[in-house]
């Protein structure tokens, strides 16, 4: 995984991607993946992420994520 991360960072630097943009994109994808894993349960997702549920809620709004999308019928 370390080698993959190094390669990804190298590609991002070569393409001129700004640090803030990289951090935001990583955070958004990480949160989406954890929401998928927790089937949209924000309390469970917040625990898995190690953040407060209110913080997760703000980030969901910030990144315009739809937590209902992650729930299974």
PDB file of N, CA and C in Angstrom:
ATOM      1  N   UNK A   1       0.817  -1.183   0.000  1.00  0.00           N
ATOM      2  CA  UNK A   1       0.000   0.000   0.000  1.00  0.00           C
ATOM      3  C   UNK A   1       0.866   1.255   0.000  1.00  0.00           C
ATOM      4  N   UNK A   2       1.989   1.200   0.696  1.00  0.00           N
ATOM      5  CA  UNK A   2       2.884   2.355   0.748  1.00  0.00           C
ATOM      6  C   UNK A   2       3.388   2.729  -0.643  1.00  0.00           C
ATOM      7  N   UNK A   3       3.730   1.735  -1.451  1.00  0.00           N
ATOM      8  CA  UNK A   3       4.200   1.993  -2.810  1.00  0.00           C
ATOM      9  C   UNK A   3       3.100   2.613  -3.671  1.00  0.00           C
ATOM     10  N   UNK A   4       1.867   2.134  -3.495  1.00  0.00           N
ATOM     11  CA  UNK A   4       0.744   2.688  -4.251  1.00  0.00           C
ATOM     12  C   UNK A   4       0.511   4.146  -3.875  1.00  0.00           C
ATOM     13  N   UNK A   5       0.622   4.440  -2.589  1.00  0.00           N
ATOM     14  CA  UNK A   5       0.440   5.811  -2.123  1.00  0.00           C
ATOM     15  C   UNK A   5       1.540   6.712  -2.678  1.00  0.00           C
ATOM     16  N   UNK A   6       2.769   6.227  -2.657  1.00  0.00           N
ATOM     17  CA  UNK A   6       3.887   6.999  -3.213  1.00  0.00           C
ATOM     18  C   UNK A   6       3.652   7.308  -4.692  1.00  0.00           C
ATOM     19  N   UNK A   7       3.188   6.302  -5.440  1.00  0.00           N
ATOM     20  CA  UNK A   7       2.932   6.494  -6.867  1.00  0.00           C
ATOM     21  C   UNK A   7       1.804   7.514  -7.075  1.00  0.00           C
ATOM     22  N   UNK A   8       0.761   7.416  -6.278  1.00  0.00           N
ATOM     23  CA  UNK A   8      -0.359   8.344  -6.391  1.00  0.00           C
ATOM     24  C   UNK A   8       0.074   9.772  -6.070  1.00  0.00           C
ATOM     25  N   UNK A   9       0.841   9.944  -5.025  1.00  0.00           N
ATOM     26  CA  UNK A   9       1.329  11.280  -4.661  1.00  0.00           C
ATOM     27  C   UNK A   9       2.205  11.837  -5.783  1.00  0.00           C
ATOM     28  N   UNK A  10       3.048  11.000  -6.348  1.00  0.00           N
ATOM     29  CA  UNK A  10       3.892  11.427  -7.464  1.00  0.00           C
ATOM     30  C   UNK A  10       3.067  11.911  -8.649  1.00  0.00           C
ATOM     31  N   UNK A  11       2.018  11.176  -8.977  1.00  0.00           N
ATOM     32  CA  UNK A  11       1.143  11.567 -10.080  1.00  0.00           C
ATOM     33  C   UNK A  11       0.452  12.896  -9.781  1.00  0.00           C
ATOM     34  N   UNK A  12       0.019  13.073  -8.558  1.00  0.00           N
ATOM     35  CA  UNK A  12      -0.675  14.300  -8.173  1.00  0.00           C
ATOM     36  C   UNK A  12       0.256  15.500  -8.256  1.00  0.00           C
ATOM     37  N   UNK A  13       1.481  15.324  -7.819  1.00  0.00           N
ATOM     38  CA  UNK A  13       2.464  16.404  -7.890  1.00  0.00           C
ATOM     39  C   UNK A  13       2.755  16.751  -9.346  1.00  0.00           C
ATOM     40  N   UNK A  14       2.933  15.725 -10.184  1.00  0.00           N
ATOM     41  CA  UNK A  14       3.205  15.947 -11.602  1.00  0.00           C
ATOM     42  C   UNK A  14       2.064  16.705 -12.285  1.00  0.00           C
ATOM     43  N   UNK A  15       0.844  16.443 -11.871  1.00  0.00           N
ATOM     44  CA  UNK A  15      -0.326  17.092 -12.483  1.00  0.00           C
ATOM     45  C   UNK A  15      -0.635  18.457 -11.868  1.00  0.00           C
ATOM     46  N   UNK A  16       0.118  18.840 -10.859  1.00  0.00           N
ATOM     47  CA  UNK A  16      -0.067  20.153 -10.253  1.00  0.00           C
ATOM     48  C   UNK A  16      -1.286  20.265  -9.355  1.00  0.00           C
ATOM     49  N   UNK A  17      -1.716  19.147  -8.797  1.00  0.00           N
ATOM     50  CA  UNK A  17      -2.876  19.175  -7.905  1.00  0.00           C
ATOM     51  C   UNK A  17      -2.477  19.827  -6.589  1.00  0.00           C
ATOM     52  N   UNK A  18      -3.277  20.784  -6.157  1.00  0.00           N
ATOM     53  CA  UNK A  18      -3.017  21.520  -4.921  1.00  0.00           C
ATOM     54  C   UNK A  18      -3.234  20.619  -3.701  1.00  0.00           C
ATOM     55  N   UNK A  19      -2.513  20.903  -2.629  1.00  0.00           N
ATOM     56  CA  UNK A  19      -2.585  20.121  -1.404  1.00  0.00           C
ATOM     57  C   UNK A  19      -4.009  20.070  -0.856  1.00  0.00           C
ATOM     58  N   UNK A  20      -4.667  21.236  -0.768  1.00  0.00           N
ATOM     59  CA  UNK A  20      -6.038  21.272  -0.227  1.00  0.00           C
ATOM     60  C   UNK A  20      -6.990  20.418  -1.052  1.00  0.00           C
ATOM     61  N   UNK A  21      -6.838  20.465  -2.364  1.00  0.00           N
ATOM     62  CA  UNK A  21      -7.690  19.666  -3.246  1.00  0.00           C
ATOM     63  C   UNK A  21      -7.465  18.169  -3.014  1.00  0.00           C
ATOM     64  N   UNK A  22      -6.220  17.783  -2.850  1.00  0.00           N
ATOM     65  CA  UNK A  22      -5.885  16.378  -2.608  1.00  0.00           C
ATOM     66  C   UNK A  22      -6.463  15.900  -1.279  1.00  0.00           C
ATOM     67  N   UNK A  23      -6.315  16.711  -0.242  1.00  0.00           N
ATOM     68  CA  UNK A  23      -6.822  16.351   1.086  1.00  0.00           C
ATOM     69  C   UNK A  23      -8.339  16.220   1.048  1.00  0.00           C
ATOM     70  N   UNK A  24      -9.012  17.189   0.425  1.00  0.00           N
ATOM     71  CA  UNK A  24     -10.475  17.157   0.362  1.00  0.00           C
ATOM     72  C   UNK A  24     -10.983  15.939  -0.401  1.00  0.00           C
ATOM     73  N   UNK A  25     -10.337  15.621  -1.510  1.00  0.00           N
ATOM     74  CA  UNK A  25     -10.768  14.476  -2.310  1.00  0.00           C
ATOM     75  C   UNK A  25     -10.557  13.171  -1.543  1.00  0.00           C
ATOM     76  N   UNK A  26      -9.421  13.057  -0.837  1.00  0.00           N
ATOM     77  CA  UNK A  26      -9.167  11.866  -0.035  1.00  0.00           C
ATOM     78  C   UNK A  26     -10.220  11.727   1.060  1.00  0.00           C
ATOM     79  N   UNK A  27     -10.480  12.828   1.763  1.00  0.00           N
ATOM     80  CA  UNK A  27     -11.436  12.801   2.867  1.00  0.00           C
ATOM     81  C   UNK A  27     -12.833  12.422   2.361  1.00  0.00           C
ATOM     82  N   UNK A  28     -13.235  12.991   1.250  1.00  0.00           N
ATOM     83  CA  UNK A  28     -14.557  12.703   0.684  1.00  0.00           C
ATOM     84  C   UNK A  28     -14.684  11.218   0.342  1.00  0.00           C
ATOM     85  N   UNK A  29     -13.692  10.665  -0.335  1.00  0.00           N
ATOM     86  CA  UNK A  29     -13.741   9.253  -0.721  1.00  0.00           C
ATOM     87  C   UNK A  29     -13.677   8.335   0.500  1.00  0.00           C
ATOM     88  N   UNK A  30     -12.886   8.707   1.498  1.00  0.00           N
ATOM     89  CA  UNK A  30     -12.772   7.910   2.723  1.00  0.00           C
ATOM     90  C   UNK A  30     -14.116   7.870   3.441  1.00  0.00           C
ATOM     91  N   UNK A  31     -14.750   9.042   3.572  1.00  0.00           N
ATOM     92  CA  UNK A  31     -16.050   9.116   4.244  1.00  0.00           C
ATOM     93  C   UNK A  31     -17.091   8.314   3.468  1.00  0.00           C
ATOM     94  N   UNK A  32     -17.112   8.435   2.138  1.00  0.00           N
ATOM     95  CA  UNK A  32     -18.055   7.659   1.334  1.00  0.00           C
ATOM     96  C   UNK A  32     -17.878   6.165   1.564  1.00  0.00           C
ATOM     97  N   UNK A  33     -16.642   5.711   1.598  1.00  0.00           N
ATOM     98  CA  UNK A  33     -16.377   4.281   1.787  1.00  0.00           C
ATOM     99  C   UNK A  33     -16.853   3.808   3.165  1.00  0.00           C
ATOM    100  N   UNK A  34     -16.611   4.610   4.196  1.00  0.00           N
ATOM    101  CA  UNK A  34     -17.041   4.227   5.545  1.00  0.00           C
ATOM    102  C   UNK A  34     -18.564   4.268   5.653  1.00  0.00           C
ATOM    103  N   UNK A  35     -19.202   5.247   5.008  1.00  0.00           N
ATOM    104  CA  UNK A  35     -20.667   5.269   4.994  1.00  0.00           C
ATOM    105  C   UNK A  35     -21.220   4.023   4.303  1.00  0.00           C
ATOM    106  N   UNK A  36     -20.583   3.597   3.223  1.00  0.00           N
ATOM    107  CA  UNK A  36     -20.990   2.352   2.556  1.00  0.00           C
ATOM    108  C   UNK A  36     -20.876   1.177   3.520  1.00  0.00           C
ATOM    109  N   UNK A  37     -19.763   1.110   4.198  1.00  0.00           N
ATOM    110  CA  UNK A  37     -19.501   0.000   5.119  1.00  0.00           C
ATOM    111  C   UNK A  37     -20.490  -0.024   6.277  1.00  0.00           C
ATOM    112  N   UNK A  38     -20.920   1.161   6.706  1.00  0.00           N
ATOM    113  CA  UNK A  38     -21.858   1.244   7.827  1.00  0.00           C
ATOM    114  C   UNK A  38     -23.306   1.336   7.347  1.00  0.00           C
ATOM    115  N   UNK A  39     -23.511   1.108   6.040  1.00  0.00           N
ATOM    116  CA  UNK A  39     -24.846   1.129   5.427  1.00  0.00           C
ATOM    117  C   UNK A  39     -25.591   2.429   5.699  1.00  0.00           C
ATOM    118  N   UNK A  40     -24.860   3.541   5.689  1.00  0.00           N
ATOM    119  CA  UNK A  40     -25.466   4.852   5.865  1.00  0.00           C
ATOM    120  C   UNK A  40     -25.701   5.260   7.302  1.00  0.00           C
ATOM    121  N   UNK A  41     -25.361   4.403   8.259  1.00  0.00           N
ATOM    122  CA  UNK A  41     -25.545   4.728   9.670  1.00  0.00           C
ATOM    123  C   UNK A  41     -24.448   5.714  10.087  1.00  0.00           C
ATOM    124  N   UNK A  42     -24.845   6.970  10.275  1.00  0.00           N
ATOM    125  CA  UNK A  42     -23.862   8.011  10.548  1.00  0.00           C
ATOM    126  C   UNK A  42     -23.185   7.860  11.901  1.00  0.00           C
ATOM    127  N   UNK A  43     -23.913   7.389  12.898  1.00  0.00           N
ATOM    128  CA  UNK A  43     -23.290   7.183  14.215  1.00  0.00           C
ATOM    129  C   UNK A  43     -22.203   6.127  14.130  1.00  0.00           C
ATOM    130  N   UNK A  44     -22.504   5.026  13.452  1.00  0.00           N
ATOM    131  CA  UNK A  44     -21.520   3.951  13.291  1.00  0.00           C
ATOM    132  C   UNK A  44     -20.339   4.433  12.440  1.00  0.00           C
ATOM    133  N   UNK A  45     -20.632   5.163  11.379  1.00  0.00           N
ATOM    134  CA  UNK A  45     -19.569   5.676  10.512  1.00  0.00           C
ATOM    135  C   UNK A  45     -18.655   6.628  11.286  1.00  0.00           C
ATOM    136  N   UNK A  46     -19.244   7.497  12.100  1.00  0.00           N
ATOM    137  CA  UNK A  46     -18.440   8.437  12.896  1.00  0.00           C
ATOM    138  C   UNK A  46     -17.521   7.676  13.847  1.00  0.00           C
ATOM    139  N   UNK A  47     -18.038   6.618  14.468  1.00  0.00           N
ATOM    140  CA  UNK A  47     -17.184   5.810  15.366  1.00  0.00           C
ATOM    141  C   UNK A  47     -16.035   5.182  14.590  1.00  0.00           C
ATOM    142  N   UNK A  48     -16.333   4.624  13.407  1.00  0.00           N
ATOM    143  CA  UNK A  48     -15.279   4.006  12.592  1.00  0.00           C
ATOM    144  C   UNK A  48     -14.228   5.018  12.158  1.00  0.00           C
ATOM    145  N   UNK A  49     -14.675   6.250  11.892  1.00  0.00           N
ATOM    146  CA  UNK A  49     -13.756   7.309  11.466  1.00  0.00           C
ATOM    147  C   UNK A  49     -13.011   7.932  12.641  1.00  0.00           C
ATOM    148  N   UNK A  50     -13.524   7.747  13.857  1.00  0.00           N
ATOM    149  CA  UNK A  50     -12.892   8.349  15.034  1.00  0.00           C
ATOM    150  C   UNK A  50     -13.194   9.832  15.169  1.00  0.00           C
ATOM    151  N   UNK A  51     -14.385  10.239  14.662  1.00  0.00           N
ATOM    152  CA  UNK A  51     -14.788  11.638  14.768  1.00  0.00           C
ATOM    153  C   UNK A  51     -16.183  11.709  15.391  1.00  0.00           C
ATOM    154  N   UNK A  52     -16.554  12.892  15.857  1.00  0.00           N
ATOM    155  CA  UNK A  52     -17.876  13.092  16.435  1.00  0.00           C
ATOM    156  C   UNK A  52     -18.923  13.041  15.324  1.00  0.00           C
ATOM    157  N   UNK A  53     -20.105  12.576  15.657  1.00  0.00           N
ATOM    158  CA  UNK A  53     -21.166  12.476  14.667  1.00  0.00           C
ATOM    159  C   UNK A  53     -21.513  13.832  14.052  1.00  0.00           C
ATOM    160  N   UNK A  54     -21.470  14.904  14.851  1.00  0.00           N
ATOM    161  CA  UNK A  54     -21.749  16.244  14.316  1.00  0.00           C
ATOM    162  C   UNK A  54     -20.697  16.661  13.286  1.00  0.00           C
ATOM    163  N   UNK A  55     -19.452  16.276  13.526  1.00  0.00           N
ATOM    164  CA  UNK A  55     -18.381  16.572  12.572  1.00  0.00           C
ATOM    165  C   UNK A  55     -18.639  15.834  11.265  1.00  0.00           C
ATOM    166  N   UNK A  56     -19.034  14.575  11.373  1.00  0.00           N
ATOM    167  CA  UNK A  56     -19.351  13.800  10.173  1.00  0.00           C
ATOM    168  C   UNK A  56     -20.512  14.439   9.425  1.00  0.00           C
ATOM    169  N   UNK A  57     -21.525  14.849  10.141  1.00  0.00           N
ATOM    170  CA  UNK A  57     -22.684  15.484   9.511  1.00  0.00           C
ATOM    171  C   UNK A  57     -22.275  16.740   8.738  1.00  0.00           C
ATOM    172  N   UNK A  58     -21.396  17.550   9.327  1.00  0.00           N
ATOM    173  CA  UNK A  58     -20.913  18.752   8.636  1.00  0.00           C
ATOM    174  C   UNK A  58     -20.131  18.390   7.375  1.00  0.00           C
ATOM    175  N   UNK A  59     -19.320  17.342   7.461  1.00  0.00           N
ATOM    176  CA  UNK A  59     -18.528  16.933   6.300  1.00  0.00           C
ATOM    177  C   UNK A  59     -19.418  16.351   5.205  1.00  0.00           C
ATOM    178  N   UNK A  60     -20.474  15.647   5.587  1.00  0.00           N
ATOM    179  CA  UNK A  60     -21.433  15.129   4.612  1.00  0.00           C
ATOM    180  C   UNK A  60     -22.063  16.297   3.855  1.00  0.00           C
ATOM    181  N   UNK A  61     -22.427  17.349   4.585  1.00  0.00           N
ATOM    182  CA  UNK A  61     -22.982  18.547   3.948  1.00  0.00           C
ATOM    183  C   UNK A  61     -21.935  19.234   3.068  1.00  0.00           C
ATOM    184  N   UNK A  62     -20.719  19.366   3.580  1.00  0.00           N
ATOM    185  CA  UNK A  62     -19.645  20.030   2.847  1.00  0.00           C
ATOM    186  C   UNK A  62     -19.380  19.361   1.501  1.00  0.00           C
ATOM    187  N   UNK A  63     -19.314  18.034   1.518  1.00  0.00           N
ATOM    188  CA  UNK A  63     -18.991  17.286   0.313  1.00  0.00           C
ATOM    189  C   UNK A  63     -20.237  16.890  -0.484  1.00  0.00           C
ATOM    190  N   UNK A  64     -21.396  17.353  -0.004  1.00  0.00           N
ATOM    191  CA  UNK A  64     -22.668  17.082  -0.685  1.00  0.00           C
ATOM    192  C   UNK A  64     -22.882  15.582  -0.899  1.00  0.00           C
ATOM    193  N   UNK A  65     -22.608  14.815   0.142  1.00  0.00           N
ATOM    194  CA  UNK A  65     -22.832  13.374   0.102  1.00  0.00           C
ATOM    195  C   UNK A  65     -24.273  13.090   0.519  1.00  0.00           C
ATOM    196  N   UNK A  66     -24.843  12.046  -0.015  1.00  0.00           N
ATOM    197  CA  UNK A  66     -26.197  11.650   0.353  1.00  0.00           C
ATOM    198  C   UNK A  66     -26.107  10.373   1.177  1.00  0.00           C
ATOM    199  N   UNK A  67     -26.218  10.481   2.496  1.00  0.00           N
ATOM    200  CA  UNK A  67     -26.089   9.281   3.338  1.00  0.00           C
ATOM    201  C   UNK A  67     -27.157   8.246   3.051  1.00  0.00           C
ATOM    202  N   UNK A  68     -28.315   8.659   2.536  1.00  0.00           N
ATOM    203  CA  UNK A  68     -29.379   7.699   2.210  1.00  0.00           C
ATOM    204  C   UNK A  68     -28.962   6.807   1.059  1.00  0.00           C
ATOM    205  N   UNK A  69     -28.084   7.302   0.209  1.00  0.00           N
ATOM    206  CA  UNK A  69     -27.585   6.522  -0.931  1.00  0.00           C
ATOM    207  C   UNK A  69     -26.857   5.270  -0.463  1.00  0.00           C
ATOM    208  N   UNK A  70     -26.313   5.293   0.723  1.00  0.00           N
ATOM    209  CA  UNK A  70     -25.483   4.195   1.228  1.00  0.00           C
ATOM    210  C   UNK A  70     -26.282   3.138   1.952  1.00  0.00           C
ATOM    211  N   UNK A  71     -27.560   3.373   2.174  1.00  0.00           N
ATOM    212  CA  UNK A  71     -28.393   2.411   2.889  1.00  0.00           C
ATOM    213  C   UNK A  71     -28.846   1.311   1.941  1.00  0.00           C
ATOM    214  N   UNK A  72     -28.924   0.134   2.487  1.00  0.00           N
ATOM    215  CA  UNK A  72     -29.450  -0.987   1.703  1.00  0.00           C
ATOM    216  C   UNK A  72     -30.945  -1.118   1.995  1.00  0.00           C
ATOM    217  N   UNK A  73     -31.735  -1.457   0.993  1.00  0.00           N
ATOM    218  CA  UNK A  73     -33.187  -1.593   1.210  1.00  0.00           C
ATOM    219  C   UNK A  73     -33.521  -2.759   2.098  1.00  0.00           C
TER     220      UNK A  73
END
